[in-house]
Each structure stands twice: as C-alpha cells, then as structure tokens.
Amino acid sequence: MIIGTEVIDPGITFVFEAAPKDVIYPETNHLSEDETDLHIEMLANWSPTNSVEAPVDGFVAYLNVLVEITNKNGESNKFKLSPHLNLIDNLHYARNIKLPGSINDFYDMTFIIKPPDKKIFGVHYDWFHEYGDLIELKRFEYKDLNFKKIALIERR
C-alpha cells in the first residue's frame, strides 16, 4: 500500500509504504511476525532529475526516520525506521509494527526525516558550500489511512 510519494531537493524521492508483516533478522532485534500488524517502509532514492549527478535510484543512506501513528481515538505509537534489505526493494528503511488500535481503525501518520547524525556523517567542502547538509528536517503527514487490507495479507 503506497501511503505517499514525495520529492525533495536536491532530488531525493521518498516512497512511504505499508507492507505485509514479515520475519526480520536478527529476530531478537525486531518485532516477531506473529506480533506484527504491518511492516512500515520508506524508500529513499536519488530521483532521475536529481541536481547532483547522483546515481539514479541509488539508496540515500544515514537518514534518521521517525514515524508517529495515531488513530481517531487518540491511541498512538512512535517508532524509528532502521535500514533493511530485501530482494524487492533492496536497501530501504523499515520496521515491523503493532498498530496502537484495531486494524479496522483509521489512522493519521507522520513521517519525520532528519538529516544524518553529524557525529558519524561527513560532508565535504564542495557539497557543503553548494547544498549545506544532505537534507533539512522534513515532515510528511497522511490522514485517514486504513490498513486492514494490508494487515490481513500474509507473505508466505
């Protein structure tokens, strides 16, 4: 289920998705498939129209991605997406989640994308003077989402 697609300067495309739950390894670090309602994903790739001559569809790494999900009753959950790898999307950000309410509820979701941590991510002089940081903080909000159809799908 595509939640939304956004393009930001200097040419990064974000695709936000709700996917069927899955087994994620190492299993001790991730919510088990039987405790999961959804697998929330964000693809972050260089767009064909990027202005920095980055490889088209190349993964944009080191972003900090937070998600807030709230149903109409005010029940909410916050979580961080982490880097994942699979055969379909290749590198992406994701997390298995348990919805804060029922799969029948309607939800509002906010994706908060922060630039890479300056303690681990270096920016060269040329990039910095042309663009500054990789990105500025971004918020994307989506309203009245129902995940029942996706929550009932099984991958295997």
C-alpha atoms as a PDB file:
ATOM      1  CA  MET A   1       0.000   0.000   0.000  1.00  0.00           C
ATOM      2  CA  ILE A   2       1.584   3.254  -1.105  1.00  0.00           C
ATOM      3  CA  ILE A   3       0.927   5.845   1.604  1.00  0.00           C
ATOM      4  CA  GLY A   4       2.595   8.681  -0.289  1.00  0.00           C
ATOM      5  CA  THR A   5       5.437   9.788  -2.536  1.00  0.00           C
ATOM      6  CA  GLU A   6       7.452  12.982  -2.045  1.00  0.00           C
ATOM      7  CA  VAL A   7      10.442  14.535  -3.847  1.00  0.00           C
ATOM      8  CA  ILE A   8      12.753  17.000  -2.090  1.00  0.00           C
ATOM      9  CA  ASP A   9      15.812  18.991  -3.156  1.00  0.00           C
ATOM     10  CA  PRO A  10      18.367  18.160  -4.398  1.00  0.00           C
ATOM     11  CA  GLY A  11      16.415  15.290  -5.945  1.00  0.00           C
ATOM     12  CA  ILE A  12      15.606  12.630  -3.350  1.00  0.00           C
ATOM     13  CA  THR A  13      12.411  10.609  -3.774  1.00  0.00           C
ATOM     14  CA  PHE A  14      10.689   9.189  -0.706  1.00  0.00           C
ATOM     15  CA  VAL A  15       8.070   6.471  -1.088  1.00  0.00           C
ATOM     16  CA  PHE A  16       6.154   5.623   2.096  1.00  0.00           C
ATOM     17  CA  GLU A  17       4.553   2.181   2.194  1.00  0.00           C
ATOM     18  CA  ALA A  18       2.595  -0.159   4.422  1.00  0.00           C
ATOM     19  CA  ALA A  19       3.576  -3.720   3.554  1.00  0.00           C
ATOM     20  CA  PRO A  20       2.549  -7.133   4.880  1.00  0.00           C
ATOM     21  CA  LYS A  21       4.277  -8.225   8.068  1.00  0.00           C
ATOM     22  CA  ASP A  22       7.451 -10.253   7.676  1.00  0.00           C
ATOM     23  CA  VAL A  23      10.213 -12.056   9.551  1.00  0.00           C
ATOM     24  CA  ILE A  24      13.193  -9.719  10.001  1.00  0.00           C
ATOM     25  CA  TYR A  25      16.651 -10.903  11.080  1.00  0.00           C
ATOM     26  CA  PRO A  26      18.165 -10.909  13.575  1.00  0.00           C
ATOM     27  CA  GLU A  27      14.824 -11.856  15.107  1.00  0.00           C
ATOM     28  CA  THR A  28      15.906 -10.743  18.590  1.00  0.00           C
ATOM     29  CA  ASN A  29      16.116  -7.117  17.331  1.00  0.00           C
ATOM     30  CA  HIS A  30      12.730  -6.937  15.596  1.00  0.00           C
ATOM     31  CA  LEU A  31       9.081  -7.448  16.455  1.00  0.00           C
ATOM     32  CA  SER A  32       8.157 -11.025  15.601  1.00  0.00           C
ATOM     33  CA  GLU A  33       5.870 -11.645  12.640  1.00  0.00           C
ATOM     34  CA  ASP A  34       3.079 -13.035  14.839  1.00  0.00           C
ATOM     35  CA  GLU A  35       3.117  -9.861  16.999  1.00  0.00           C
ATOM     36  CA  THR A  36       3.156  -7.536  13.967  1.00  0.00           C
ATOM     37  CA  ASP A  37       0.268  -5.869  12.139  1.00  0.00           C
ATOM     38  CA  LEU A  38       2.267  -4.061   9.425  1.00  0.00           C
ATOM     39  CA  HIS A  39       5.712  -3.571   8.001  1.00  0.00           C
ATOM     40  CA  ILE A  40       6.136   0.193   7.524  1.00  0.00           C
ATOM     41  CA  GLU A  41       8.712   1.176   4.883  1.00  0.00           C
ATOM     42  CA  MET A  42      10.314   4.257   3.422  1.00  0.00           C
ATOM     43  CA  LEU A  43      12.271   4.044   0.200  1.00  0.00           C
ATOM     44  CA  ALA A  44      14.811   6.873  -0.145  1.00  0.00           C
ATOM     45  CA  ASN A  45      16.450   7.052  -3.565  1.00  0.00           C
ATOM     46  CA  TRP A  46      18.024   9.590  -5.891  1.00  0.00           C
ATOM     47  CA  SER A  47      15.471  10.716  -8.469  1.00  0.00           C
ATOM     48  CA  PRO A  48      16.125  10.793 -12.222  1.00  0.00           C
ATOM     49  CA  THR A  49      16.035  14.595 -12.013  1.00  0.00           C
ATOM     50  CA  ASN A  50      18.483  14.977  -9.121  1.00  0.00           C
ATOM     51  CA  SER A  51      20.732  18.007  -9.458  1.00  0.00           C
ATOM     52  CA  VAL A  52      23.870  16.409  -8.005  1.00  0.00           C
ATOM     53  CA  GLU A  53      24.517  13.733 -10.650  1.00  0.00           C
ATOM     54  CA  ALA A  54      23.971  11.000  -8.065  1.00  0.00           C
ATOM     55  CA  PRO A  55      23.264   7.516  -9.467  1.00  0.00           C
ATOM     56  CA  VAL A  56      19.558   7.357 -10.307  1.00  0.00           C
ATOM     57  CA  ASP A  57      17.676   5.132  -7.839  1.00  0.00           C
ATOM     58  CA  GLY A  58      20.748   4.927  -5.574  1.00  0.00           C
ATOM     59  CA  PHE A  59      19.885   4.486  -1.879  1.00  0.00           C
ATOM     60  CA  VAL A  60      20.158   7.601   0.297  1.00  0.00           C
ATOM     61  CA  ALA A  61      21.774   6.366   3.498  1.00  0.00           C
ATOM     62  CA  TYR A  62      22.166   7.553   7.084  1.00  0.00           C
ATOM     63  CA  LEU A  63      18.818   9.328   7.377  1.00  0.00           C
ATOM     64  CA  ASN A  64      17.009   9.319  10.708  1.00  0.00           C
ATOM     65  CA  VAL A  65      13.380   8.388  10.124  1.00  0.00           C
ATOM     66  CA  LEU A  66      10.746   8.621  12.842  1.00  0.00           C
ATOM     67  CA  VAL A  67       7.082   7.709  12.443  1.00  0.00           C
ATOM     68  CA  GLU A  68       4.106   8.725  14.554  1.00  0.00           C
ATOM     69  CA  ILE A  69       0.802   6.879  14.076  1.00  0.00           C
ATOM     70  CA  THR A  70      -2.447   7.881  15.787  1.00  0.00           C
ATOM     71  CA  ASN A  71      -5.973   6.524  15.458  1.00  0.00           C
ATOM     72  CA  LYS A  72      -9.160   8.588  15.786  1.00  0.00           C
ATOM     73  CA  ASN A  73      -9.440   7.585  19.484  1.00  0.00           C
ATOM     74  CA  GLY A  74      -6.088   9.244  20.194  1.00  0.00           C
ATOM     75  CA  GLU A  75      -4.180   5.982  20.698  1.00  0.00           C
ATOM     76  CA  SER A  76      -0.694   6.455  19.277  1.00  0.00           C
ATOM     77  CA  ASN A  77       2.693   4.891  18.766  1.00  0.00           C
ATOM     78  CA  LYS A  78       6.079   6.320  17.799  1.00  0.00           C
ATOM     79  CA  PHE A  79       8.927   4.333  16.309  1.00  0.00           C
ATOM     80  CA  LYS A  80      12.141   4.693  14.359  1.00  0.00           C
ATOM     81  CA  LEU A  81      12.690   3.072  10.976  1.00  0.00           C
ATOM     82  CA  SER A  82      16.020   1.273  10.566  1.00  0.00           C
ATOM     83  CA  PRO A  83      17.907   0.216   7.427  1.00  0.00           C
ATOM     84  CA  HIS A  84      16.604  -3.034   5.937  1.00  0.00           C
ATOM     85  CA  LEU A  85      17.500  -5.172   2.934  1.00  0.00           C
ATOM     86  CA  ASN A  86      15.282  -7.433   0.828  1.00  0.00           C
ATOM     87  CA  LEU A  87      15.104  -8.749  -2.723  1.00  0.00           C
ATOM     88  CA  ILE A  88      12.239  -6.497  -3.844  1.00  0.00           C
ATOM     89  CA  ASP A  89      13.199  -3.015  -2.586  1.00  0.00           C
ATOM     90  CA  ASN A  90      16.876  -3.659  -1.881  1.00  0.00           C
ATOM     91  CA  LEU A  91      18.058  -1.137   0.734  1.00  0.00           C
ATOM     92  CA  HIS A  92      15.272   0.781   2.471  1.00  0.00           C
ATOM     93  CA  TYR A  93      14.150   1.966   5.917  1.00  0.00           C
ATOM     94  CA  ALA A  94      11.512  -0.098   7.739  1.00  0.00           C
ATOM     95  CA  ARG A  95      10.044  -1.530  10.942  1.00  0.00           C
ATOM     96  CA  ASN A  96       7.530  -4.217  11.898  1.00  0.00           C
ATOM     97  CA  ILE A  97       4.848  -2.507  13.990  1.00  0.00           C
ATOM     98  CA  LYS A  98       1.822  -3.263  16.108  1.00  0.00           C
ATOM     99  CA  LEU A  99      -0.946  -0.746  15.486  1.00  0.00           C
ATOM    100  CA  PRO A 100      -1.936   1.228  18.615  1.00  0.00           C
ATOM    101  CA  GLY A 101      -5.594   0.321  17.979  1.00  0.00           C
ATOM    102  CA  SER A 102      -7.572  -2.039  15.800  1.00  0.00           C
ATOM    103  CA  ILE A 103      -6.799  -2.938  12.174  1.00  0.00           C
ATOM    104  CA  ASN A 104     -10.302  -1.562  11.457  1.00  0.00           C
ATOM    105  CA  ASP A 105      -9.391   1.941  12.707  1.00  0.00           C
ATOM    106  CA  PHE A 106      -8.447   4.900  10.560  1.00  0.00           C
ATOM    107  CA  TYR A 107      -5.032   6.384  11.266  1.00  0.00           C
ATOM    108  CA  ASP A 108      -3.015   9.543  10.738  1.00  0.00           C
ATOM    109  CA  MET A 109       0.711   9.027  10.112  1.00  0.00           C
ATOM    110  CA  THR A 110       3.565  11.493  10.234  1.00  0.00           C
ATOM    111  CA  PHE A 111       6.980  10.646   8.813  1.00  0.00           C
ATOM    112  CA  ILE A 112       9.757  12.829  10.260  1.00  0.00           C
ATOM    113  CA  ILE A 113      13.003  12.653   8.316  1.00  0.00           C
ATOM    114  CA  LYS A 114      16.066  14.162   9.950  1.00  0.00           C
ATOM    115  CA  PRO A 115      19.485  14.664   8.368  1.00  0.00           C
ATOM    116  CA  PRO A 116      22.285  12.238   9.198  1.00  0.00           C
ATOM    117  CA  ASP A 117      23.949  12.465  12.602  1.00  0.00           C
ATOM    118  CA  LYS A 118      26.849  14.923  12.277  1.00  0.00           C
ATOM    119  CA  LYS A 119      28.942  12.724  14.600  1.00  0.00           C
ATOM    120  CA  ILE A 120      29.061   9.932  12.003  1.00  0.00           C
ATOM    121  CA  PHE A 121      28.336  11.622   8.663  1.00  0.00           C
ATOM    122  CA  GLY A 122      30.872  13.891   6.996  1.00  0.00           C
ATOM    123  CA  VAL A 123      30.086  16.446   4.313  1.00  0.00           C
ATOM    124  CA  HIS A 124      32.905  17.626   2.031  1.00  0.00           C
ATOM    125  CA  TYR A 125      33.614  21.307   1.420  1.00  0.00           C
ATOM    126  CA  ASP A 126      32.257  21.301  -2.147  1.00  0.00           C
ATOM    127  CA  TRP A 127      28.900  19.741  -1.184  1.00  0.00           C
ATOM    128  CA  PHE A 128      28.543  21.881   1.934  1.00  0.00           C
ATOM    129  CA  HIS A 129      29.106  25.143   0.060  1.00  0.00           C
ATOM    130  CA  GLU A 130      26.737  24.116  -2.722  1.00  0.00           C
ATOM    131  CA  TYR A 131      23.943  22.409  -0.719  1.00  0.00           C
ATOM    132  CA  GLY A 132      24.661  22.557   3.028  1.00  0.00           C
ATOM    133  CA  ASP A 133      23.573  19.362   4.777  1.00  0.00           C
ATOM    134  CA  LEU A 134      22.285  16.350   2.864  1.00  0.00           C
ATOM    135  CA  ILE A 135      18.715  17.389   3.730  1.00  0.00           C
ATOM    136  CA  GLU A 136      16.846  19.659   6.103  1.00  0.00           C
ATOM    137  CA  LEU A 137      14.332  18.211   8.544  1.00  0.00           C
ATOM    138  CA  LYS A 138      11.159  17.166   6.705  1.00  0.00           C
ATOM    139  CA  ARG A 139       7.674  16.199   7.917  1.00  0.00           C
ATOM    140  CA  PHE A 140       5.111  14.445   5.764  1.00  0.00           C
ATOM    141  CA  GLU A 141       1.607  13.858   7.111  1.00  0.00           C
ATOM    142  CA  TYR A 142      -1.028  11.484   5.781  1.00  0.00           C
ATOM    143  CA  LYS A 143      -4.585  11.332   7.095  1.00  0.00           C
ATOM    144  CA  ASP A 144      -7.397   8.789   7.316  1.00  0.00           C
ATOM    145  CA  LEU A 145      -5.422   5.680   6.425  1.00  0.00           C
ATOM    146  CA  ASN A 146      -6.951   2.250   6.887  1.00  0.00           C
ATOM    147  CA  PHE A 147      -4.542  -0.690   6.954  1.00  0.00           C
ATOM    148  CA  LYS A 148      -6.980  -3.609   7.296  1.00  0.00           C
ATOM    149  CA  LYS A 149      -6.401  -4.994   3.792  1.00  0.00           C
ATOM    150  CA  ILE A 150      -2.594  -4.971   4.215  1.00  0.00           C
ATOM    151  CA  ALA A 151      -2.720  -6.260   7.799  1.00  0.00           C
ATOM    152  CA  LEU A 152      -4.639  -9.352   6.670  1.00  0.00           C
ATOM    153  CA  ILE A 153      -2.168 -10.283   3.893  1.00  0.00           C
ATOM    154  CA  GLU A 154       0.433 -12.972   4.579  1.00  0.00           C
ATOM    155  CA  ARG A 155       3.710 -13.106   2.650  1.00  0.00           C
ATOM    156  CA  ARG A 156       4.044 -16.885   2.825  1.00  0.00           C
END
